[in-house]
Amino acid sequence: MNALARLSASVQSRAAERDDGGMTTAEYAVGTVAACGFSGVLYKVITSPTVLTLMKDVIEKAFHLGF
């Protein structure tokens, strides 16, 4: 077996042993940016006057049901 074949076999065996179960740093960064963007949109929707009025109406109806 020549040196190149031994090197190739060594690299392949090490790659097979490696566990890539977690996310890489770049994937964490993209996930974090996406989560921040989604939370910003959700905040704007929840604090919009239309949604606040709907939530207020639902709460008022719940209190008027008489538990």
PDB file of N, CA and C in Angstrom:
ATOM      1  N   MET A   1       0.866  -1.175   0.000  1.00  0.00           N
ATOM      2  CA  MET A   1       0.000   0.000   0.000  1.00  0.00           C
ATOM      3  C   MET A   1       0.909   1.233   0.000  1.00  0.00           C
ATOM      4  N   ASN A   2       0.665   2.135  -0.925  1.00  0.00           N
ATOM      5  CA  ASN A   2       1.517   3.323  -0.989  1.00  0.00           C
ATOM      6  C   ASN A   2       1.066   4.360   0.036  1.00  0.00           C
ATOM      7  N   ALA A   3       1.828   5.433   0.145  1.00  0.00           N
ATOM      8  CA  ALA A   3       1.588   6.451   1.169  1.00  0.00           C
ATOM      9  C   ALA A   3       0.259   7.163   0.956  1.00  0.00           C
ATOM     10  N   LEU A   4      -0.086   7.434  -0.291  1.00  0.00           N
ATOM     11  CA  LEU A   4      -1.343   8.127  -0.581  1.00  0.00           C
ATOM     12  C   LEU A   4      -2.546   7.259  -0.209  1.00  0.00           C
ATOM     13  N   ALA A   5      -2.464   5.985  -0.471  1.00  0.00           N
ATOM     14  CA  ALA A   5      -3.555   5.075  -0.119  1.00  0.00           C
ATOM     15  C   ALA A   5      -3.706   4.968   1.394  1.00  0.00           C
ATOM     16  N   ARG A   6      -2.586   4.929   2.119  1.00  0.00           N
ATOM     17  CA  ARG A   6      -2.651   4.868   3.592  1.00  0.00           C
ATOM     18  C   ARG A   6      -3.251   6.149   4.151  1.00  0.00           C
ATOM     19  N   LEU A   7      -2.836   7.296   3.587  1.00  0.00           N
ATOM     20  CA  LEU A   7      -3.376   8.579   4.035  1.00  0.00           C
ATOM     21  C   LEU A   7      -4.877   8.639   3.778  1.00  0.00           C
ATOM     22  N   SER A   8      -5.305   8.208   2.601  1.00  0.00           N
ATOM     23  CA  SER A   8      -6.718   8.219   2.262  1.00  0.00           C
ATOM     24  C   SER A   8      -7.511   7.317   3.203  1.00  0.00           C
ATOM     25  N   ALA A   9      -6.983   6.136   3.483  1.00  0.00           N
ATOM     26  CA  ALA A   9      -7.654   5.213   4.391  1.00  0.00           C
ATOM     27  C   ALA A   9      -7.742   5.794   5.796  1.00  0.00           C
ATOM     28  N   SER A  10      -6.707   6.481   6.228  1.00  0.00           N
ATOM     29  CA  SER A  10      -6.693   7.097   7.558  1.00  0.00           C
ATOM     30  C   SER A  10      -7.725   8.211   7.657  1.00  0.00           C
ATOM     31  N   VAL A  11      -7.791   9.050   6.634  1.00  0.00           N
ATOM     32  CA  VAL A  11      -8.765  10.156   6.631  1.00  0.00           C
ATOM     33  C   VAL A  11     -10.184   9.599   6.620  1.00  0.00           C
ATOM     34  N   GLN A  12     -10.433   8.567   5.820  1.00  0.00           N
ATOM     35  CA  GLN A  12     -11.773   7.986   5.747  1.00  0.00           C
ATOM     36  C   GLN A  12     -12.184   7.345   7.065  1.00  0.00           C
ATOM     37  N   SER A  13     -11.256   6.694   7.744  1.00  0.00           N
ATOM     38  CA  SER A  13     -11.614   6.073   9.021  1.00  0.00           C
ATOM     39  C   SER A  13     -11.878   7.123  10.087  1.00  0.00           C
ATOM     40  N   ARG A  14     -11.119   8.205  10.076  1.00  0.00           N
ATOM     41  CA  ARG A  14     -11.373   9.286  11.043  1.00  0.00           C
ATOM     42  C   ARG A  14     -12.705   9.979  10.762  1.00  0.00           C
ATOM     43  N   ALA A  15     -13.035  10.171   9.499  1.00  0.00           N
ATOM     44  CA  ALA A  15     -14.308  10.800   9.139  1.00  0.00           C
ATOM     45  C   ALA A  15     -15.478   9.929   9.563  1.00  0.00           C
ATOM     46  N   ALA A  16     -15.311   8.625   9.471  1.00  0.00           N
ATOM     47  CA  ALA A  16     -16.386   7.713   9.861  1.00  0.00           C
ATOM     48  C   ALA A  16     -16.602   7.729  11.373  1.00  0.00           C
ATOM     49  N   GLU A  17     -15.548   7.989  12.149  1.00  0.00           N
ATOM     50  CA  GLU A  17     -15.646   8.003  13.606  1.00  0.00           C
ATOM     51  C   GLU A  17     -16.213   9.312  14.140  1.00  0.00           C
ATOM     52  N   ARG A  18     -16.142  10.370  13.362  1.00  0.00           N
ATOM     53  CA  ARG A  18     -16.554  11.700  13.814  1.00  0.00           C
ATOM     54  C   ARG A  18     -18.075  11.767  13.955  1.00  0.00           C
ATOM     55  N   ASP A  19     -18.543  12.425  15.015  1.00  0.00           N
ATOM     56  CA  ASP A  19     -19.978  12.588  15.254  1.00  0.00           C
ATOM     57  C   ASP A  19     -20.378  14.007  14.874  1.00  0.00           C
ATOM     58  N   ASP A  20     -21.222  14.141  13.861  1.00  0.00           N
ATOM     59  CA  ASP A  20     -21.697  15.454  13.427  1.00  0.00           C
ATOM     60  C   ASP A  20     -23.146  15.660  13.844  1.00  0.00           C
ATOM     61  N   GLY A  21     -23.465  15.289  15.081  1.00  0.00           N
ATOM     62  CA  GLY A  21     -24.840  15.374  15.544  1.00  0.00           C
ATOM     63  C   GLY A  21     -25.317  16.780  15.844  1.00  0.00           C
ATOM     64  N   GLY A  22     -24.424  17.696  16.183  1.00  0.00           N
ATOM     65  CA  GLY A  22     -24.830  19.042  16.574  1.00  0.00           C
ATOM     66  C   GLY A  22     -24.721  20.040  15.444  1.00  0.00           C
ATOM     67  N   MET A  23     -25.166  21.244  15.719  1.00  0.00           N
ATOM     68  CA  MET A  23     -25.070  22.300  14.722  1.00  0.00           C
ATOM     69  C   MET A  23     -23.702  22.964  14.796  1.00  0.00           C
ATOM     70  N   THR A  24     -23.278  23.514  13.682  1.00  0.00           N
ATOM     71  CA  THR A  24     -22.025  24.265  13.650  1.00  0.00           C
ATOM     72  C   THR A  24     -22.306  25.705  14.051  1.00  0.00           C
ATOM     73  N   THR A  25     -21.252  26.462  14.218  1.00  0.00           N
ATOM     74  CA  THR A  25     -21.394  27.858  14.635  1.00  0.00           C
ATOM     75  C   THR A  25     -22.204  28.653  13.617  1.00  0.00           C
ATOM     76  N   ALA A  26     -21.973  28.423  12.334  1.00  0.00           N
ATOM     77  CA  ALA A  26     -22.726  29.143  11.305  1.00  0.00           C
ATOM     78  C   ALA A  26     -24.215  28.808  11.379  1.00  0.00           C
ATOM     79  N   GLU A  27     -24.534  27.559  11.645  1.00  0.00           N
ATOM     80  CA  GLU A  27     -25.941  27.179  11.767  1.00  0.00           C
ATOM     81  C   GLU A  27     -26.580  27.831  12.992  1.00  0.00           C
ATOM     82  N   TYR A  28     -25.839  27.926  14.086  1.00  0.00           N
ATOM     83  CA  TYR A  28     -26.356  28.626  15.265  1.00  0.00           C
ATOM     84  C   TYR A  28     -26.613  30.096  14.942  1.00  0.00           C
ATOM     85  N   ALA A  29     -25.694  30.710  14.199  1.00  0.00           N
ATOM     86  CA  ALA A  29     -25.852  32.125  13.855  1.00  0.00           C
ATOM     87  C   ALA A  29     -27.092  32.332  12.995  1.00  0.00           C
ATOM     88  N   VAL A  30     -27.284  31.495  11.993  1.00  0.00           N
ATOM     89  CA  VAL A  30     -28.457  31.626  11.124  1.00  0.00           C
ATOM     90  C   VAL A  30     -29.733  31.372  11.925  1.00  0.00           C
ATOM     91  N   GLY A  31     -29.713  30.375  12.781  1.00  0.00           N
ATOM     92  CA  GLY A  31     -30.878  30.087  13.610  1.00  0.00           C
ATOM     93  C   GLY A  31     -31.206  31.220  14.563  1.00  0.00           C
ATOM     94  N   THR A  32     -30.184  31.832  15.137  1.00  0.00           N
ATOM     95  CA  THR A  32     -30.389  32.947  16.052  1.00  0.00           C
ATOM     96  C   THR A  32     -30.969  34.156  15.328  1.00  0.00           C
ATOM     97  N   VAL A  33     -30.438  34.464  14.156  1.00  0.00           N
ATOM     98  CA  VAL A  33     -30.955  35.598  13.371  1.00  0.00           C
ATOM     99  C   VAL A  33     -32.405  35.339  12.965  1.00  0.00           C
ATOM    100  N   ALA A  34     -32.708  34.110  12.557  1.00  0.00           N
ATOM    101  CA  ALA A  34     -34.081  33.780  12.172  1.00  0.00           C
ATOM    102  C   ALA A  34     -35.033  33.900  13.362  1.00  0.00           C
ATOM    103  N   ALA A  35     -34.603  33.427  14.525  1.00  0.00           N
ATOM    104  CA  ALA A  35     -35.443  33.513  15.721  1.00  0.00           C
ATOM    105  C   ALA A  35     -35.675  34.965  16.120  1.00  0.00           C
ATOM    106  N   CYS A  36     -34.646  35.785  16.016  1.00  0.00           N
ATOM    107  CA  CYS A  36     -34.805  37.212  16.344  1.00  0.00           C
ATOM    108  C   CYS A  36     -35.744  37.899  15.366  1.00  0.00           C
ATOM    109  N   GLY A  37     -35.616  37.577  14.095  1.00  0.00           N
ATOM    110  CA  GLY A  37     -36.513  38.161  13.095  1.00  0.00           C
ATOM    111  C   GLY A  37     -37.954  37.756  13.333  1.00  0.00           C
ATOM    112  N   PHE A  38     -38.164  36.467  13.628  1.00  0.00           N
ATOM    113  CA  PHE A  38     -39.514  35.979  13.885  1.00  0.00           C
ATOM    114  C   PHE A  38     -40.093  36.632  15.139  1.00  0.00           C
ATOM    115  N   SER A  39     -39.271  36.793  16.172  1.00  0.00           N
ATOM    116  CA  SER A  39     -39.785  37.413  17.398  1.00  0.00           C
ATOM    117  C   SER A  39     -40.129  38.876  17.166  1.00  0.00           C
ATOM    118  N   GLY A  40     -39.365  39.567  16.319  1.00  0.00           N
ATOM    119  CA  GLY A  40     -39.692  40.955  15.992  1.00  0.00           C
ATOM    120  C   GLY A  40     -41.021  41.072  15.279  1.00  0.00           C
ATOM    121  N   VAL A  41     -41.250  40.193  14.313  1.00  0.00           N
ATOM    122  CA  VAL A  41     -42.526  40.195  13.592  1.00  0.00           C
ATOM    123  C   VAL A  41     -43.669  39.848  14.543  1.00  0.00           C
ATOM    124  N   LEU A  42     -43.472  38.846  15.379  1.00  0.00           N
ATOM    125  CA  LEU A  42     -44.505  38.454  16.336  1.00  0.00           C
ATOM    126  C   LEU A  42     -44.824  39.589  17.304  1.00  0.00           C
ATOM    127  N   TYR A  43     -43.811  40.299  17.762  1.00  0.00           N
ATOM    128  CA  TYR A  43     -44.032  41.436  18.669  1.00  0.00           C
ATOM    129  C   TYR A  43     -44.879  42.514  17.992  1.00  0.00           C
ATOM    130  N   LYS A  44     -44.556  42.819  16.726  1.00  0.00           N
ATOM    131  CA  LYS A  44     -45.313  43.843  16.014  1.00  0.00           C
ATOM    132  C   LYS A  44     -46.768  43.410  15.814  1.00  0.00           C
ATOM    133  N   VAL A  45     -46.992  42.137  15.549  1.00  0.00           N
ATOM    134  CA  VAL A  45     -48.364  41.647  15.359  1.00  0.00           C
ATOM    135  C   VAL A  45     -49.131  41.705  16.670  1.00  0.00           C
ATOM    136  N   ILE A  46     -48.519  41.231  17.746  1.00  0.00           N
ATOM    137  CA  ILE A  46     -49.197  41.192  19.042  1.00  0.00           C
ATOM    138  C   ILE A  46     -49.510  42.594  19.559  1.00  0.00           C
ATOM    139  N   THR A  47     -48.636  43.553  19.296  1.00  0.00           N
ATOM    140  CA  THR A  47     -48.855  44.906  19.812  1.00  0.00           C
ATOM    141  C   THR A  47     -49.617  45.799  18.837  1.00  0.00           C
ATOM    142  N   SER A  48     -50.096  45.249  17.729  1.00  0.00           N
ATOM    143  CA  SER A  48     -50.883  46.057  16.793  1.00  0.00           C
ATOM    144  C   SER A  48     -52.243  46.377  17.417  1.00  0.00           C
ATOM    145  N   PRO A  49     -52.809  47.512  17.073  1.00  0.00           N
ATOM    146  CA  PRO A  49     -54.104  47.895  17.669  1.00  0.00           C
ATOM    147  C   PRO A  49     -55.217  46.880  17.404  1.00  0.00           C
ATOM    148  N   THR A  50     -55.216  46.268  16.241  1.00  0.00           N
ATOM    149  CA  THR A  50     -56.257  45.296  15.914  1.00  0.00           C
ATOM    150  C   THR A  50     -56.198  44.082  16.838  1.00  0.00           C
ATOM    151  N   VAL A  51     -54.994  43.548  17.017  1.00  0.00           N
ATOM    152  CA  VAL A  51     -54.835  42.363  17.873  1.00  0.00           C
ATOM    153  C   VAL A  51     -55.098  42.721  19.330  1.00  0.00           C
ATOM    154  N   LEU A  52     -54.651  43.880  19.771  1.00  0.00           N
ATOM    155  CA  LEU A  52     -54.906  44.294  21.154  1.00  0.00           C
ATOM    156  C   LEU A  52     -56.404  44.423  21.414  1.00  0.00           C
ATOM    157  N   THR A  53     -57.143  44.960  20.444  1.00  0.00           N
ATOM    158  CA  THR A  53     -58.597  45.077  20.592  1.00  0.00           C
ATOM    159  C   THR A  53     -59.244  43.699  20.662  1.00  0.00           C
ATOM    160  N   LEU A  54     -58.802  42.781  19.791  1.00  0.00           N
ATOM    161  CA  LEU A  54     -59.352  41.427  19.814  1.00  0.00           C
ATOM    162  C   LEU A  54     -59.072  40.736  21.149  1.00  0.00           C
ATOM    163  N   MET A  55     -57.860  40.868  21.652  1.00  0.00           N
ATOM    164  CA  MET A  55     -57.517  40.237  22.940  1.00  0.00           C
ATOM    165  C   MET A  55     -58.326  40.853  24.073  1.00  0.00           C
ATOM    166  N   LYS A  56     -58.509  42.155  24.033  1.00  0.00           N
ATOM    167  CA  LYS A  56     -59.305  42.828  25.065  1.00  0.00           C
ATOM    168  C   LYS A  56     -60.741  42.326  25.034  1.00  0.00           C
ATOM    169  N   ASP A  57     -61.316  42.178  23.834  1.00  0.00           N
ATOM    170  CA  ASP A  57     -62.679  41.683  23.704  1.00  0.00           C
ATOM    171  C   ASP A  57     -62.810  40.253  24.226  1.00  0.00           C
ATOM    172  N   VAL A  58     -61.845  39.412  23.925  1.00  0.00           N
ATOM    173  CA  VAL A  58     -61.892  38.021  24.395  1.00  0.00           C
ATOM    174  C   VAL A  58     -61.831  37.971  25.914  1.00  0.00           C
ATOM    175  N   ILE A  59     -60.965  38.772  26.519  1.00  0.00           N
ATOM    176  CA  ILE A  59     -60.844  38.776  27.978  1.00  0.00           C
ATOM    177  C   ILE A  59     -62.121  39.306  28.627  1.00  0.00           C
ATOM    178  N   GLU A  60     -62.691  40.358  28.052  1.00  0.00           N
ATOM    179  CA  GLU A  60     -63.939  40.897  28.607  1.00  0.00           C
ATOM    180  C   GLU A  60     -65.068  39.880  28.525  1.00  0.00           C
ATOM    181  N   LYS A  61     -65.168  39.151  27.404  1.00  0.00           N
ATOM    182  CA  LYS A  61     -66.208  38.135  27.276  1.00  0.00           C
ATOM    183  C   LYS A  61     -65.985  37.000  28.275  1.00  0.00           C
ATOM    184  N   ALA A  62     -64.725  36.652  28.514  1.00  0.00           N
ATOM    185  CA  ALA A  62     -64.430  35.575  29.478  1.00  0.00           C
ATOM    186  C   ALA A  62     -64.859  35.972  30.879  1.00  0.00           C
ATOM    187  N   PHE A  63     -64.659  37.234  31.263  1.00  0.00           N
ATOM    188  CA  PHE A  63     -65.049  37.676  32.601  1.00  0.00           C
ATOM    189  C   PHE A  63     -66.564  37.818  32.736  1.00  0.00           C
ATOM    190  N   HIS A  64     -67.257  38.085  31.648  1.00  0.00           N
ATOM    191  CA  HIS A  64     -68.695  38.241  31.699  1.00  0.00           C
ATOM    192  C   HIS A  64     -69.443  36.924  31.633  1.00  0.00           C
ATOM    193  N   LEU A  65     -68.749  35.812  31.382  1.00  0.00           N
ATOM    194  CA  LEU A  65     -69.408  34.509  31.319  1.00  0.00           C
ATOM    195  C   LEU A  65     -69.902  34.061  32.685  1.00  0.00           C
ATOM    196  N   GLY A  66     -69.285  34.502  33.745  1.00  0.00           N
ATOM    197  CA  GLY A  66     -69.708  34.133  35.085  1.00  0.00           C
ATOM    198  C   GLY A  66     -69.290  32.732  35.463  1.00  0.00           C
ATOM    199  N   PHE A  67     -68.184  32.628  36.058  1.00  0.00           N
ATOM    200  CA  PHE A  67     -67.633  31.316  36.439  1.00  0.00           C
ATOM    201  C   PHE A  67     -68.331  30.771  37.645  1.00  0.00           C
TER     202      PHE A  67
END
